Amino acid sequence: MPPTSSLRALQVKVPRRITGRRFASHGPPQFNEPSGLLFGEKPPAPGQKRVKEEWENIWYVGMFGSMAMAAVLLYYKPDTSIQTWALREAKERMEARGEKYKYEPSS
C-alpha cells in the first residue's frame, strides 16, 4: 500500500464553488410553498367581495357548458348494442316467416 501522502497528491481538488451547486435537481423548488390560505389568496376585508379574475367566467362557461353538452349528447346517443340489433333482426325474421315474436299463453 502506498503512503497516504502520495494518495493525497493524486486526489483532484474540486473548487468550492462547484461543489455547492445542485446540478441534478436544478436548484430550489419551482412551486409555490404552502401558505395556509385557500388557493393562496388572502381573504377580502369584511364587507368586501372577492374580485374575480377575467378568465374565471370563461372557464365556468366552458367547463359546465361542455358538461351539459356531453350529457345531452349521451342522452340522445343511438343504441348500437349487439343485443338491440339481434332482437330487431329476430323480430323481422319471425315476422317474415309468419310467426309471432311475442309469447301469448294459450287459454
N, C-alpha and C. Protein backbone atom coordinates (compact mmCIF):
# COMPACT_ATOMS: atom_id res chain seq x y z
N MET A 1 0.84 -1.18 0.00
CA MET A 1 0.00 0.00 0.00
C MET A 1 0.89 1.24 0.00
N PRO A 2 0.59 2.19 -0.93
CA PRO A 2 1.42 3.39 -0.99
C PRO A 2 1.16 4.28 0.22
N PRO A 3 2.09 5.11 0.55
CA PRO A 3 1.89 6.01 1.69
C PRO A 3 0.76 7.00 1.41
N THR A 4 0.12 7.46 2.48
CA THR A 4 -1.04 8.35 2.34
C THR A 4 -0.68 9.69 1.74
N SER A 5 0.52 10.14 1.92
CA SER A 5 0.88 11.45 1.36
C SER A 5 0.87 11.41 -0.17
N SER A 6 1.26 10.28 -0.78
CA SER A 6 1.23 10.20 -2.24
C SER A 6 -0.21 10.07 -2.76
N LEU A 7 -1.10 9.44 -1.97
CA LEU A 7 -2.51 9.35 -2.38
C LEU A 7 -3.17 10.72 -2.35
N ARG A 8 -2.80 11.51 -1.38
CA ARG A 8 -3.37 12.86 -1.31
C ARG A 8 -2.92 13.71 -2.48
N ALA A 9 -1.75 13.48 -2.95
CA ALA A 9 -1.24 14.25 -4.08
C ALA A 9 -1.98 13.89 -5.37
N LEU A 10 -2.48 12.66 -5.46
CA LEU A 10 -3.20 12.23 -6.66
C LEU A 10 -4.65 12.71 -6.70
N GLN A 11 -5.19 13.06 -5.54
CA GLN A 11 -6.59 13.50 -5.49
C GLN A 11 -6.75 14.81 -6.24
N VAL A 12 -7.88 14.92 -6.94
CA VAL A 12 -8.17 16.13 -7.70
C VAL A 12 -8.87 17.11 -6.77
N LYS A 13 -8.39 18.32 -6.79
CA LYS A 13 -9.02 19.36 -5.98
C LYS A 13 -10.19 19.95 -6.76
N VAL A 14 -11.36 19.94 -6.15
CA VAL A 14 -12.56 20.49 -6.78
C VAL A 14 -12.82 21.85 -6.14
N PRO A 15 -13.02 22.88 -6.94
CA PRO A 15 -13.29 24.19 -6.36
C PRO A 15 -14.54 24.18 -5.50
N ARG A 16 -14.54 24.98 -4.46
CA ARG A 16 -15.64 25.03 -3.51
C ARG A 16 -16.93 25.53 -4.18
N ARG A 17 -16.79 26.37 -5.14
CA ARG A 17 -17.95 26.97 -5.81
C ARG A 17 -18.74 25.92 -6.57
N ILE A 18 -18.13 24.92 -7.16
CA ILE A 18 -18.83 23.90 -7.94
C ILE A 18 -19.51 22.89 -7.02
N THR A 19 -18.89 22.55 -5.92
CA THR A 19 -19.48 21.54 -5.04
C THR A 19 -20.75 22.04 -4.37
N GLY A 20 -20.95 23.33 -4.26
CA GLY A 20 -22.14 23.87 -3.61
C GLY A 20 -23.36 23.87 -4.50
N ARG A 21 -23.20 23.70 -5.80
CA ARG A 21 -24.33 23.74 -6.72
C ARG A 21 -25.04 22.39 -6.77
N ARG A 22 -26.32 22.43 -7.14
CA ARG A 22 -27.10 21.21 -7.27
C ARG A 22 -27.45 21.04 -8.74
N PHE A 23 -26.62 20.30 -9.46
CA PHE A 23 -26.81 20.17 -10.90
C PHE A 23 -27.96 19.23 -11.25
N ALA A 24 -28.12 18.13 -10.54
CA ALA A 24 -29.14 17.14 -10.89
C ALA A 24 -30.54 17.59 -10.53
N SER A 25 -30.69 18.36 -9.47
CA SER A 25 -32.03 18.74 -9.04
C SER A 25 -32.46 20.09 -9.56
N HIS A 26 -31.61 20.78 -10.27
CA HIS A 26 -31.94 22.06 -10.93
C HIS A 26 -32.35 23.14 -9.96
N GLY A 27 -31.79 23.17 -8.80
CA GLY A 27 -31.98 24.29 -7.89
C GLY A 27 -33.16 24.14 -6.96
N PRO A 28 -33.63 25.27 -6.41
CA PRO A 28 -34.71 25.23 -5.42
C PRO A 28 -36.03 24.84 -6.07
N PRO A 29 -37.03 24.47 -5.26
CA PRO A 29 -38.32 24.06 -5.83
C PRO A 29 -38.96 25.16 -6.66
N GLN A 30 -39.64 24.76 -7.74
CA GLN A 30 -40.25 25.72 -8.66
C GLN A 30 -41.75 25.87 -8.44
N PHE A 31 -42.23 25.56 -7.27
CA PHE A 31 -43.66 25.68 -6.99
C PHE A 31 -43.87 26.63 -5.82
N ASN A 32 -45.09 27.06 -5.64
CA ASN A 32 -45.41 27.97 -4.54
C ASN A 32 -45.46 27.18 -3.25
N GLU A 33 -44.75 27.64 -2.29
CA GLU A 33 -44.75 26.98 -0.98
C GLU A 33 -46.12 27.15 -0.33
N PRO A 34 -46.57 26.18 0.47
CA PRO A 34 -47.87 26.29 1.13
C PRO A 34 -47.93 27.51 2.05
N SER A 35 -49.02 28.26 1.97
CA SER A 35 -49.16 29.46 2.80
C SER A 35 -50.25 29.29 3.85
N GLY A 36 -51.07 28.24 3.72
CA GLY A 36 -52.16 28.05 4.66
C GLY A 36 -53.43 28.75 4.24
N LEU A 37 -53.39 29.50 3.13
CA LEU A 37 -54.57 30.21 2.65
C LEU A 37 -55.23 29.40 1.53
N LEU A 38 -56.55 29.47 1.43
CA LEU A 38 -57.27 28.75 0.39
C LEU A 38 -56.89 29.29 -0.98
N PHE A 39 -56.37 28.45 -1.84
CA PHE A 39 -55.91 28.79 -3.18
C PHE A 39 -54.81 29.86 -3.16
N GLY A 40 -54.17 30.05 -2.02
CA GLY A 40 -53.09 31.03 -1.93
C GLY A 40 -53.56 32.47 -1.95
N GLU A 41 -54.86 32.71 -1.75
CA GLU A 41 -55.40 34.08 -1.78
C GLU A 41 -55.71 34.54 -0.37
N LYS A 42 -55.42 35.79 -0.11
CA LYS A 42 -55.79 36.36 1.18
C LYS A 42 -57.29 36.65 1.15
N PRO A 43 -58.00 36.38 2.24
CA PRO A 43 -59.44 36.68 2.25
C PRO A 43 -59.67 38.19 2.20
N PRO A 44 -60.76 38.62 1.52
CA PRO A 44 -61.03 40.06 1.44
C PRO A 44 -61.41 40.62 2.81
N ALA A 45 -61.28 41.91 2.92
CA ALA A 45 -61.64 42.58 4.17
C ALA A 45 -63.14 42.43 4.42
N PRO A 46 -63.58 42.48 5.65
CA PRO A 46 -65.01 42.36 5.94
C PRO A 46 -65.83 43.41 5.20
N GLY A 47 -66.92 42.96 4.59
CA GLY A 47 -67.79 43.86 3.84
C GLY A 47 -67.42 44.01 2.38
N GLN A 48 -66.33 43.39 1.95
CA GLN A 48 -65.92 43.46 0.55
C GLN A 48 -66.07 42.10 -0.11
N LYS A 49 -66.36 42.13 -1.42
CA LYS A 49 -66.49 40.89 -2.18
C LYS A 49 -65.17 40.56 -2.85
N ARG A 50 -65.00 39.29 -3.13
CA ARG A 50 -63.81 38.85 -3.84
C ARG A 50 -63.93 39.26 -5.30
N VAL A 51 -62.88 39.81 -5.87
CA VAL A 51 -62.89 40.23 -7.27
C VAL A 51 -62.42 39.06 -8.12
N LYS A 52 -63.27 38.67 -9.10
CA LYS A 52 -62.90 37.57 -9.98
C LYS A 52 -61.87 38.03 -11.00
N GLU A 53 -61.04 37.09 -11.41
CA GLU A 53 -60.12 37.39 -12.50
C GLU A 53 -60.87 37.22 -13.81
N GLU A 54 -60.33 37.79 -14.89
CA GLU A 54 -61.08 37.83 -16.15
C GLU A 54 -61.25 36.45 -16.79
N TRP A 55 -60.40 35.49 -16.49
CA TRP A 55 -60.50 34.17 -17.11
C TRP A 55 -61.49 33.26 -16.40
N GLU A 56 -61.93 33.61 -15.19
CA GLU A 56 -62.76 32.69 -14.40
C GLU A 56 -64.13 32.46 -15.03
N ASN A 57 -64.80 33.51 -15.51
CA ASN A 57 -66.12 33.32 -16.12
C ASN A 57 -66.03 32.50 -17.39
N ILE A 58 -64.99 32.70 -18.17
CA ILE A 58 -64.80 31.90 -19.39
C ILE A 58 -64.61 30.44 -19.03
N TRP A 59 -63.86 30.18 -17.97
CA TRP A 59 -63.63 28.80 -17.54
C TRP A 59 -64.94 28.15 -17.08
N TYR A 60 -65.74 28.88 -16.30
CA TYR A 60 -67.02 28.32 -15.83
C TYR A 60 -67.93 27.99 -17.01
N VAL A 61 -68.06 28.90 -17.96
CA VAL A 61 -68.93 28.67 -19.12
C VAL A 61 -68.42 27.49 -19.93
N GLY A 62 -67.12 27.44 -20.16
CA GLY A 62 -66.55 26.34 -20.94
C GLY A 62 -66.68 25.00 -20.25
N MET A 63 -66.39 24.95 -18.96
CA MET A 63 -66.42 23.69 -18.23
C MET A 63 -67.85 23.16 -18.09
N PHE A 64 -68.74 23.96 -17.56
CA PHE A 64 -70.09 23.48 -17.32
C PHE A 64 -70.91 23.41 -18.61
N GLY A 65 -70.60 24.25 -19.58
CA GLY A 65 -71.26 24.14 -20.88
C GLY A 65 -70.90 22.86 -21.60
N SER A 66 -69.62 22.47 -21.53
CA SER A 66 -69.23 21.21 -22.16
C SER A 66 -69.81 20.01 -21.42
N MET A 67 -69.95 20.11 -20.10
CA MET A 67 -70.59 19.02 -19.34
C MET A 67 -72.06 18.88 -19.75
N ALA A 68 -72.76 19.99 -19.88
CA ALA A 68 -74.17 19.94 -20.28
C ALA A 68 -74.31 19.39 -21.70
N MET A 69 -73.43 19.83 -22.60
CA MET A 69 -73.49 19.32 -23.97
C MET A 69 -73.19 17.82 -24.02
N ALA A 70 -72.23 17.37 -23.23
CA ALA A 70 -71.92 15.94 -23.18
C ALA A 70 -73.11 15.15 -22.63
N ALA A 71 -73.81 15.69 -21.64
CA ALA A 71 -74.97 14.99 -21.08
C ALA A 71 -76.08 14.88 -22.12
N VAL A 72 -76.33 15.94 -22.87
CA VAL A 72 -77.36 15.89 -23.92
C VAL A 72 -76.98 14.91 -25.02
N LEU A 73 -75.73 14.95 -25.44
CA LEU A 73 -75.29 14.03 -26.50
C LEU A 73 -75.33 12.58 -26.05
N LEU A 74 -74.99 12.31 -24.80
CA LEU A 74 -75.07 10.94 -24.30
C LEU A 74 -76.52 10.48 -24.16
N TYR A 75 -77.42 11.40 -23.81
CA TYR A 75 -78.83 11.03 -23.67
C TYR A 75 -79.42 10.64 -25.03
N TYR A 76 -79.06 11.37 -26.08
CA TYR A 76 -79.62 11.11 -27.40
C TYR A 76 -78.73 10.22 -28.27
N LYS A 77 -77.74 9.58 -27.69
CA LYS A 77 -76.84 8.70 -28.43
C LYS A 77 -77.63 7.50 -28.96
N PRO A 78 -77.43 7.13 -30.22
CA PRO A 78 -78.16 5.98 -30.75
C PRO A 78 -77.72 4.68 -30.08
N ASP A 79 -78.68 3.77 -29.96
CA ASP A 79 -78.40 2.48 -29.33
C ASP A 79 -77.75 1.57 -30.38
N THR A 80 -76.49 1.26 -30.20
CA THR A 80 -75.76 0.44 -31.16
C THR A 80 -75.30 -0.88 -30.55
N SER A 81 -75.98 -1.33 -29.49
CA SER A 81 -75.55 -2.57 -28.85
C SER A 81 -75.93 -3.77 -29.70
N ILE A 82 -75.20 -4.84 -29.56
CA ILE A 82 -75.44 -6.06 -30.33
C ILE A 82 -76.77 -6.70 -29.92
N GLN A 83 -77.18 -6.57 -28.66
CA GLN A 83 -78.44 -7.16 -28.20
C GLN A 83 -79.63 -6.50 -28.89
N THR A 84 -79.60 -5.17 -29.02
CA THR A 84 -80.70 -4.47 -29.69
C THR A 84 -80.78 -4.86 -31.16
N TRP A 85 -79.62 -4.95 -31.81
CA TRP A 85 -79.61 -5.34 -33.22
C TRP A 85 -80.13 -6.76 -33.37
N ALA A 86 -79.72 -7.67 -32.51
CA ALA A 86 -80.14 -9.08 -32.62
C ALA A 86 -81.64 -9.22 -32.37
N LEU A 87 -82.19 -8.49 -31.41
CA LEU A 87 -83.63 -8.55 -31.14
C LEU A 87 -84.42 -8.03 -32.33
N ARG A 88 -83.99 -6.92 -32.89
CA ARG A 88 -84.69 -6.35 -34.05
C ARG A 88 -84.60 -7.31 -35.25
N GLU A 89 -83.44 -7.90 -35.46
CA GLU A 89 -83.26 -8.84 -36.57
C GLU A 89 -84.13 -10.09 -36.38
N ALA A 90 -84.20 -10.60 -35.14
CA ALA A 90 -85.01 -11.79 -34.85
C ALA A 90 -86.49 -11.49 -35.07
N LYS A 91 -86.94 -10.31 -34.66
CA LYS A 91 -88.34 -9.94 -34.88
C LYS A 91 -88.67 -9.87 -36.36
N GLU A 92 -87.77 -9.26 -37.14
CA GLU A 92 -88.01 -9.15 -38.59
C GLU A 92 -88.07 -10.53 -39.24
N ARG A 93 -87.17 -11.42 -38.85
CA ARG A 93 -87.16 -12.77 -39.46
C ARG A 93 -88.39 -13.57 -39.06
N MET A 94 -88.82 -13.44 -37.79
CA MET A 94 -90.01 -14.18 -37.35
C MET A 94 -91.26 -13.64 -38.03
N GLU A 95 -91.35 -12.32 -38.22
CA GLU A 95 -92.50 -11.76 -38.93
C GLU A 95 -92.50 -12.20 -40.38
N ALA A 96 -91.32 -12.29 -40.99
CA ALA A 96 -91.23 -12.73 -42.38
C ALA A 96 -91.69 -14.18 -42.53
N ARG A 97 -91.48 -15.02 -41.52
CA ARG A 97 -91.93 -16.41 -41.55
C ARG A 97 -93.37 -16.55 -41.11
N GLY A 98 -93.97 -15.49 -40.60
CA GLY A 98 -95.36 -15.54 -40.15
C GLY A 98 -95.50 -15.99 -38.71
N GLU A 99 -94.46 -15.99 -37.95
CA GLU A 99 -94.53 -16.39 -36.54
C GLU A 99 -94.70 -15.15 -35.66
N LYS A 100 -95.24 -15.41 -34.47
CA LYS A 100 -95.38 -14.33 -33.51
C LYS A 100 -94.10 -14.26 -32.68
N TYR A 101 -93.59 -13.07 -32.51
CA TYR A 101 -92.36 -12.94 -31.74
C TYR A 101 -92.64 -12.68 -30.25
N LYS A 102 -93.90 -12.43 -29.92
CA LYS A 102 -94.23 -12.19 -28.51
C LYS A 102 -95.00 -13.41 -28.01
N TYR A 103 -94.61 -13.90 -26.84
CA TYR A 103 -95.25 -15.08 -26.28
C TYR A 103 -96.63 -14.71 -25.77
N GLU A 104 -97.62 -15.50 -26.19
CA GLU A 104 -99.00 -15.35 -25.71
C GLU A 104 -99.44 -16.72 -25.21
N PRO A 105 -99.71 -16.87 -23.93
CA PRO A 105 -100.11 -18.17 -23.40
C PRO A 105 -101.49 -18.57 -23.96
N SER A 106 -101.61 -19.87 -24.24
CA SER A 106 -102.91 -20.37 -24.75
C SER A 106 -103.85 -20.57 -23.56
N SER A 107 -105.10 -20.20 -23.75
CA SER A 107 -106.05 -20.37 -22.64
C SER A 107 -107.08 -21.42 -22.95
